[in-house]
Amino acid sequence: MYHELGEASQRRILGRWWKQLLLNIPHSRAELFVRSLKDVLSDTCRSGMISYIVEKKKAGSLSFYVSLLSGFRKMIFPDMLPAYEAFRKTNNWDIIERARGEGYKKAVDYVRSLKDMFDKDKVSSKEIEQELMTHFKI
């Protein structure tokens, strides 16, 4: 539920252009990347799932989240794994909160890069792979 609340809260950042972007890159690795980016953005925002987990100190939910973090989401949000390992040793929720904040900042930066590409009419799968996905050495 908190993932969906986070997603709804990010509509102002994503805007109408986001849907058009997805229409331009169907059935591609770029589409999977963009959808994963939206998931990370939703989970790491202030009203998202990780904020809820930290606020309620739900260690089991955190473990479940980390165990399902894979694919592009794991590449987009690499800070979570070392933060989780440190948390397991210390039980310090501030570590997770810092990772959440950093993850959100990075996700917003990627969204801004996509918006810039969209505004310049450079939103093909090839362009997204060259501009963003190469950052992850995919």
N, C-alpha and C. Protein backbone atom coordinates (compact mmCIF):
# COMPACT_ATOMS: atom_id res chain seq x y z
N MET A 1 0.82 -1.18 0.00
CA MET A 1 0.00 0.00 0.00
C MET A 1 0.88 1.27 0.00
N TYR A 2 1.96 1.26 0.77
CA TYR A 2 2.80 2.45 0.85
C TYR A 2 3.59 2.68 -0.44
N HIS A 3 3.84 1.63 -1.17
CA HIS A 3 4.45 1.81 -2.50
C HIS A 3 3.48 2.61 -3.37
N GLU A 4 2.21 2.24 -3.35
CA GLU A 4 1.20 2.93 -4.17
C GLU A 4 1.01 4.38 -3.70
N LEU A 5 1.03 4.61 -2.40
CA LEU A 5 0.93 5.99 -1.89
C LEU A 5 2.14 6.81 -2.35
N GLY A 6 3.30 6.20 -2.30
CA GLY A 6 4.49 6.88 -2.79
C GLY A 6 4.39 7.20 -4.26
N GLU A 7 3.88 6.25 -5.02
CA GLU A 7 3.72 6.46 -6.46
C GLU A 7 2.77 7.64 -6.73
N ALA A 8 1.66 7.66 -6.01
CA ALA A 8 0.68 8.74 -6.20
C ALA A 8 1.30 10.10 -5.83
N SER A 9 2.16 10.11 -4.83
CA SER A 9 2.75 11.39 -4.40
C SER A 9 3.78 11.92 -5.38
N GLN A 10 4.24 11.09 -6.30
CA GLN A 10 5.28 11.51 -7.24
C GLN A 10 4.73 11.95 -8.58
N ARG A 11 3.43 12.04 -8.69
CA ARG A 11 2.83 12.44 -9.97
C ARG A 11 3.28 13.80 -10.44
N ARG A 12 3.53 14.71 -9.50
CA ARG A 12 3.96 16.05 -9.91
C ARG A 12 5.35 16.02 -10.54
N ILE A 13 6.20 15.10 -10.10
CA ILE A 13 7.55 14.97 -10.68
C ILE A 13 7.47 14.27 -12.04
N LEU A 14 6.65 13.24 -12.10
CA LEU A 14 6.58 12.46 -13.33
C LEU A 14 5.73 13.13 -14.40
N GLY A 15 4.59 13.64 -14.03
CA GLY A 15 3.76 14.39 -14.96
C GLY A 15 3.26 13.57 -16.12
N ARG A 16 2.61 14.26 -17.04
CA ARG A 16 2.02 13.61 -18.22
C ARG A 16 3.08 13.07 -19.17
N TRP A 17 4.22 13.70 -19.20
CA TRP A 17 5.27 13.29 -20.11
C TRP A 17 5.72 11.86 -19.86
N TRP A 18 5.60 11.39 -18.63
CA TRP A 18 6.06 10.05 -18.26
C TRP A 18 5.35 8.96 -19.06
N LYS A 19 4.03 9.09 -19.19
CA LYS A 19 3.26 8.10 -19.95
C LYS A 19 3.67 8.11 -21.41
N GLN A 20 3.88 9.28 -21.95
CA GLN A 20 4.32 9.38 -23.34
C GLN A 20 5.70 8.75 -23.52
N LEU A 21 6.55 8.97 -22.55
CA LEU A 21 7.87 8.36 -22.58
C LEU A 21 7.75 6.84 -22.68
N LEU A 22 6.91 6.26 -21.84
CA LEU A 22 6.73 4.81 -21.85
C LEU A 22 6.17 4.32 -23.19
N LEU A 23 5.30 5.10 -23.80
CA LEU A 23 4.75 4.73 -25.11
C LEU A 23 5.83 4.72 -26.19
N ASN A 24 6.87 5.51 -25.99
CA ASN A 24 7.94 5.61 -26.98
C ASN A 24 8.95 4.46 -26.89
N ILE A 25 8.92 3.69 -25.81
CA ILE A 25 9.95 2.66 -25.60
C ILE A 25 9.35 1.30 -25.23
N PRO A 26 8.28 0.86 -25.90
CA PRO A 26 7.62 -0.38 -25.48
C PRO A 26 8.50 -1.62 -25.66
N HIS A 27 8.31 -2.57 -24.78
CA HIS A 27 8.93 -3.90 -24.90
C HIS A 27 10.45 -3.83 -25.06
N SER A 28 11.09 -3.04 -24.23
CA SER A 28 12.54 -2.86 -24.34
C SER A 28 13.18 -2.88 -22.96
N ARG A 29 14.49 -3.02 -22.94
CA ARG A 29 15.22 -2.90 -21.67
C ARG A 29 15.05 -1.50 -21.10
N ALA A 30 14.99 -0.52 -21.96
CA ALA A 30 14.81 0.86 -21.50
C ALA A 30 13.47 1.00 -20.76
N GLU A 31 12.43 0.35 -21.26
CA GLU A 31 11.14 0.41 -20.57
C GLU A 31 11.25 -0.22 -19.18
N LEU A 32 11.91 -1.35 -19.08
CA LEU A 32 12.09 -2.00 -17.77
C LEU A 32 12.88 -1.09 -16.83
N PHE A 33 13.90 -0.43 -17.37
CA PHE A 33 14.69 0.50 -16.57
C PHE A 33 13.82 1.65 -16.06
N VAL A 34 13.04 2.25 -16.94
CA VAL A 34 12.20 3.40 -16.58
C VAL A 34 11.15 2.99 -15.55
N ARG A 35 10.54 1.84 -15.72
CA ARG A 35 9.55 1.36 -14.75
C ARG A 35 10.21 1.07 -13.40
N SER A 36 11.41 0.53 -13.43
CA SER A 36 12.15 0.28 -12.18
C SER A 36 12.49 1.59 -11.49
N LEU A 37 12.85 2.59 -12.28
CA LEU A 37 13.15 3.90 -11.72
C LEU A 37 11.94 4.47 -11.00
N LYS A 38 10.78 4.34 -11.60
CA LYS A 38 9.55 4.81 -10.95
C LYS A 38 9.30 4.07 -9.65
N ASP A 39 9.58 2.78 -9.61
CA ASP A 39 9.41 2.00 -8.38
C ASP A 39 10.35 2.49 -7.28
N VAL A 40 11.60 2.73 -7.63
CA VAL A 40 12.56 3.22 -6.63
C VAL A 40 12.14 4.61 -6.15
N LEU A 41 11.75 5.46 -7.06
CA LEU A 41 11.29 6.80 -6.69
C LEU A 41 10.12 6.70 -5.71
N SER A 42 9.18 5.84 -6.00
CA SER A 42 7.99 5.66 -5.15
C SER A 42 8.35 5.10 -3.78
N ASP A 43 9.25 4.14 -3.74
CA ASP A 43 9.61 3.51 -2.47
C ASP A 43 10.46 4.41 -1.59
N THR A 44 11.26 5.28 -2.20
CA THR A 44 12.20 6.09 -1.42
C THR A 44 11.69 7.49 -1.08
N CYS A 45 10.56 7.88 -1.61
CA CYS A 45 10.05 9.22 -1.29
C CYS A 45 9.54 9.25 0.16
N ARG A 46 9.27 10.44 0.65
CA ARG A 46 8.83 10.64 2.04
C ARG A 46 7.55 9.88 2.39
N SER A 47 6.66 9.69 1.44
CA SER A 47 5.41 8.98 1.73
C SER A 47 5.45 7.54 1.21
N GLY A 48 6.63 7.07 0.87
CA GLY A 48 6.78 5.74 0.30
C GLY A 48 7.01 4.65 1.32
N MET A 49 7.23 3.47 0.81
CA MET A 49 7.33 2.27 1.62
C MET A 49 8.50 2.30 2.61
N ILE A 50 9.65 2.74 2.17
CA ILE A 50 10.80 2.71 3.08
C ILE A 50 10.63 3.71 4.21
N SER A 51 10.06 4.87 3.93
CA SER A 51 9.78 5.82 5.01
C SER A 51 8.86 5.21 6.05
N TYR A 52 7.85 4.50 5.59
CA TYR A 52 6.92 3.83 6.50
C TYR A 52 7.66 2.77 7.32
N ILE A 53 8.48 1.97 6.68
CA ILE A 53 9.23 0.92 7.37
C ILE A 53 10.12 1.52 8.45
N VAL A 54 10.80 2.62 8.13
CA VAL A 54 11.68 3.28 9.09
C VAL A 54 10.86 3.88 10.23
N GLU A 55 9.81 4.59 9.89
CA GLU A 55 8.98 5.25 10.91
C GLU A 55 8.42 4.24 11.91
N LYS A 56 7.97 3.10 11.41
CA LYS A 56 7.35 2.08 12.27
C LYS A 56 8.35 1.05 12.78
N LYS A 57 9.61 1.20 12.35
CA LYS A 57 10.68 0.29 12.76
C LYS A 57 10.30 -1.17 12.52
N LYS A 58 9.95 -1.45 11.28
CA LYS A 58 9.51 -2.78 10.86
C LYS A 58 10.69 -3.54 10.23
N ALA A 59 11.49 -4.15 11.08
CA ALA A 59 12.69 -4.85 10.62
C ALA A 59 12.34 -6.00 9.67
N GLY A 60 11.28 -6.71 9.94
CA GLY A 60 10.88 -7.81 9.06
C GLY A 60 10.51 -7.31 7.68
N SER A 61 9.78 -6.20 7.62
CA SER A 61 9.41 -5.62 6.33
C SER A 61 10.64 -5.12 5.58
N LEU A 62 11.60 -4.58 6.32
CA LEU A 62 12.85 -4.14 5.70
C LEU A 62 13.58 -5.33 5.08
N SER A 63 13.65 -6.41 5.82
CA SER A 63 14.32 -7.62 5.31
C SER A 63 13.61 -8.14 4.06
N PHE A 64 12.31 -8.11 4.08
CA PHE A 64 11.53 -8.56 2.93
C PHE A 64 11.79 -7.65 1.73
N TYR A 65 11.80 -6.34 1.96
CA TYR A 65 12.08 -5.40 0.88
C TYR A 65 13.44 -5.67 0.26
N VAL A 66 14.45 -5.82 1.09
CA VAL A 66 15.81 -6.03 0.60
C VAL A 66 15.91 -7.37 -0.14
N SER A 67 15.22 -8.38 0.35
CA SER A 67 15.29 -9.69 -0.31
C SER A 67 14.67 -9.65 -1.71
N LEU A 68 13.74 -8.73 -1.94
CA LEU A 68 13.10 -8.62 -3.26
C LEU A 68 13.73 -7.55 -4.16
N LEU A 69 14.73 -6.87 -3.65
CA LEU A 69 15.40 -5.82 -4.43
C LEU A 69 16.33 -6.49 -5.45
N SER A 70 15.95 -6.40 -6.72
CA SER A 70 16.71 -7.09 -7.75
C SER A 70 16.64 -6.31 -9.07
N GLY A 71 17.34 -6.83 -10.06
CA GLY A 71 17.30 -6.24 -11.40
C GLY A 71 17.72 -4.78 -11.42
N PHE A 72 17.02 -4.01 -12.24
CA PHE A 72 17.34 -2.59 -12.36
C PHE A 72 17.10 -1.84 -11.05
N ARG A 73 16.11 -2.25 -10.26
CA ARG A 73 15.86 -1.56 -8.99
C ARG A 73 17.10 -1.65 -8.09
N LYS A 74 17.74 -2.78 -8.08
CA LYS A 74 18.96 -2.96 -7.28
C LYS A 74 20.09 -2.09 -7.82
N MET A 75 20.17 -1.95 -9.14
CA MET A 75 21.21 -1.12 -9.75
C MET A 75 20.96 0.36 -9.51
N ILE A 76 19.70 0.76 -9.55
CA ILE A 76 19.34 2.16 -9.34
C ILE A 76 19.49 2.56 -7.88
N PHE A 77 19.30 1.61 -6.98
CA PHE A 77 19.30 1.88 -5.54
C PHE A 77 20.36 1.02 -4.83
N PRO A 78 21.63 1.16 -5.22
CA PRO A 78 22.67 0.29 -4.66
C PRO A 78 22.99 0.58 -3.19
N ASP A 79 22.63 1.75 -2.70
CA ASP A 79 22.95 2.11 -1.32
C ASP A 79 22.19 1.27 -0.30
N MET A 80 21.09 0.66 -0.72
CA MET A 80 20.27 -0.07 0.25
C MET A 80 20.98 -1.32 0.78
N LEU A 81 21.67 -2.05 -0.05
CA LEU A 81 22.28 -3.30 0.42
C LEU A 81 23.34 -3.08 1.49
N PRO A 82 24.31 -2.18 1.29
CA PRO A 82 25.27 -1.96 2.38
C PRO A 82 24.62 -1.33 3.61
N ALA A 83 23.61 -0.50 3.39
CA ALA A 83 22.91 0.10 4.53
C ALA A 83 22.21 -0.99 5.34
N TYR A 84 21.61 -1.92 4.65
CA TYR A 84 20.92 -3.02 5.33
C TYR A 84 21.90 -3.88 6.12
N GLU A 85 23.05 -4.16 5.53
CA GLU A 85 24.07 -4.94 6.24
C GLU A 85 24.53 -4.20 7.50
N ALA A 86 24.74 -2.91 7.39
CA ALA A 86 25.14 -2.12 8.57
C ALA A 86 24.01 -2.08 9.60
N PHE A 87 22.79 -1.97 9.12
CA PHE A 87 21.63 -1.98 10.03
C PHE A 87 21.55 -3.29 10.80
N ARG A 88 21.79 -4.39 10.13
CA ARG A 88 21.71 -5.70 10.80
C ARG A 88 22.71 -5.80 11.94
N LYS A 89 23.84 -5.12 11.82
CA LYS A 89 24.86 -5.17 12.87
C LYS A 89 24.56 -4.20 14.01
N THR A 90 23.89 -3.07 13.68
CA THR A 90 23.74 -2.00 14.67
C THR A 90 22.31 -1.74 15.11
N ASN A 91 21.35 -2.17 14.29
CA ASN A 91 19.94 -1.87 14.52
C ASN A 91 19.68 -0.36 14.54
N ASN A 92 20.49 0.38 13.81
CA ASN A 92 20.39 1.84 13.74
C ASN A 92 19.55 2.22 12.52
N TRP A 93 18.35 2.69 12.78
CA TRP A 93 17.43 3.05 11.70
C TRP A 93 17.87 4.28 10.92
N ASP A 94 18.73 5.09 11.51
CA ASP A 94 19.24 6.27 10.79
C ASP A 94 20.02 5.86 9.53
N ILE A 95 20.65 4.71 9.57
CA ILE A 95 21.40 4.22 8.40
C ILE A 95 20.45 3.98 7.24
N ILE A 96 19.32 3.38 7.53
CA ILE A 96 18.33 3.10 6.48
C ILE A 96 17.71 4.40 5.99
N GLU A 97 17.45 5.31 6.90
CA GLU A 97 16.86 6.59 6.51
C GLU A 97 17.82 7.37 5.61
N ARG A 98 19.11 7.35 5.92
CA ARG A 98 20.09 8.02 5.05
C ARG A 98 20.13 7.38 3.67
N ALA A 99 20.11 6.05 3.63
CA ALA A 99 20.12 5.35 2.34
C ALA A 99 18.85 5.68 1.56
N ARG A 100 17.72 5.77 2.24
CA ARG A 100 16.47 6.13 1.58
C ARG A 100 16.58 7.51 0.95
N GLY A 101 17.07 8.46 1.72
CA GLY A 101 17.22 9.83 1.22
C GLY A 101 18.15 9.92 0.03
N GLU A 102 19.29 9.22 0.11
CA GLU A 102 20.23 9.22 -1.01
C GLU A 102 19.63 8.53 -2.23
N GLY A 103 18.92 7.44 -1.99
CA GLY A 103 18.27 6.73 -3.09
C GLY A 103 17.24 7.61 -3.78
N TYR A 104 16.50 8.38 -3.00
CA TYR A 104 15.51 9.28 -3.58
C TYR A 104 16.17 10.36 -4.41
N LYS A 105 17.23 10.96 -3.88
CA LYS A 105 17.94 12.01 -4.62
C LYS A 105 18.46 11.48 -5.95
N LYS A 106 19.04 10.29 -5.94
CA LYS A 106 19.55 9.71 -7.19
C LYS A 106 18.41 9.43 -8.17
N ALA A 107 17.31 8.89 -7.66
CA ALA A 107 16.17 8.59 -8.53
C ALA A 107 15.63 9.88 -9.15
N VAL A 108 15.53 10.93 -8.37
CA VAL A 108 15.06 12.22 -8.91
C VAL A 108 16.03 12.72 -9.98
N ASP A 109 17.33 12.57 -9.76
CA ASP A 109 18.31 12.99 -10.77
C ASP A 109 18.12 12.22 -12.08
N TYR A 110 17.88 10.92 -11.98
CA TYR A 110 17.64 10.12 -13.19
C TYR A 110 16.35 10.55 -13.88
N VAL A 111 15.32 10.84 -13.10
CA VAL A 111 14.05 11.31 -13.68
C VAL A 111 14.27 12.64 -14.39
N ARG A 112 15.04 13.53 -13.79
CA ARG A 112 15.32 14.82 -14.44
C ARG A 112 16.10 14.62 -15.74
N SER A 113 17.02 13.67 -15.73
CA SER A 113 17.75 13.37 -16.98
C SER A 113 16.79 12.87 -18.05
N LEU A 114 15.87 12.00 -17.66
CA LEU A 114 14.88 11.51 -18.62
C LEU A 114 13.99 12.63 -19.13
N LYS A 115 13.59 13.53 -18.25
CA LYS A 115 12.75 14.66 -18.64
C LYS A 115 13.50 15.55 -19.63
N ASP A 116 14.75 15.77 -19.36
CA ASP A 116 15.57 16.57 -20.28
C ASP A 116 15.66 15.88 -21.65
N MET A 117 15.87 14.58 -21.64
CA MET A 117 15.91 13.84 -22.90
C MET A 117 14.56 13.92 -23.61
N PHE A 118 13.49 13.81 -22.86
CA PHE A 118 12.15 13.88 -23.44
C PHE A 118 11.92 15.25 -24.08
N ASP A 119 12.31 16.30 -23.35
CA ASP A 119 12.14 17.66 -23.87
C ASP A 119 12.95 17.90 -25.14
N LYS A 120 14.06 17.20 -25.29
CA LYS A 120 14.91 17.34 -26.48
C LYS A 120 14.56 16.31 -27.55
N ASP A 121 13.47 15.58 -27.33
CA ASP A 121 13.01 14.55 -28.28
C ASP A 121 14.01 13.41 -28.46
N LYS A 122 14.67 13.05 -27.37
CA LYS A 122 15.66 11.96 -27.39
C LYS A 122 15.20 10.85 -26.45
N VAL A 123 14.06 10.25 -26.73
CA VAL A 123 13.53 9.25 -25.81
C VAL A 123 13.34 7.88 -26.46
N SER A 124 14.18 7.53 -27.37
CA SER A 124 14.13 6.18 -27.92
C SER A 124 14.81 5.24 -26.94
N SER A 125 14.56 3.97 -27.12
CA SER A 125 15.23 2.97 -26.27
C SER A 125 16.74 3.10 -26.38
N LYS A 126 17.21 3.32 -27.59
CA LYS A 126 18.65 3.45 -27.82
C LYS A 126 19.23 4.63 -27.05
N GLU A 127 18.56 5.77 -27.12
CA GLU A 127 19.03 6.97 -26.42
C GLU A 127 19.07 6.75 -24.90
N ILE A 128 18.04 6.14 -24.37
CA ILE A 128 17.99 5.90 -22.92
C ILE A 128 19.10 4.95 -22.51
N GLU A 129 19.30 3.92 -23.30
CA GLU A 129 20.38 2.97 -22.99
C GLU A 129 21.74 3.66 -23.04
N GLN A 130 21.96 4.52 -24.02
CA GLN A 130 23.24 5.22 -24.14
C GLN A 130 23.44 6.23 -23.02
N GLU A 131 22.41 7.00 -22.69
CA GLU A 131 22.55 8.10 -21.74
C GLU A 131 22.49 7.66 -20.28
N LEU A 132 21.61 6.74 -19.95
CA LEU A 132 21.41 6.39 -18.55
C LEU A 132 21.90 5.00 -18.18
N MET A 133 21.54 4.03 -18.98
CA MET A 133 21.84 2.67 -18.60
C MET A 133 23.33 2.38 -18.66
N THR A 134 24.09 3.10 -19.47
CA THR A 134 25.53 2.87 -19.51
C THR A 134 26.19 3.25 -18.18
N HIS A 135 25.53 4.12 -17.42
CA HIS A 135 26.03 4.47 -16.09
C HIS A 135 26.16 3.22 -15.21
N PHE A 136 25.31 2.23 -15.48
CA PHE A 136 25.29 1.01 -14.68
C PHE A 136 26.11 -0.11 -15.33
N LYS A 137 26.76 0.19 -16.46
CA LYS A 137 27.59 -0.78 -17.17
C LYS A 137 26.81 -2.03 -17.53
N ILE A 138 25.62 -1.82 -18.10
CA ILE A 138 24.75 -2.93 -18.50
C ILE A 138 25.06 -3.33 -19.93
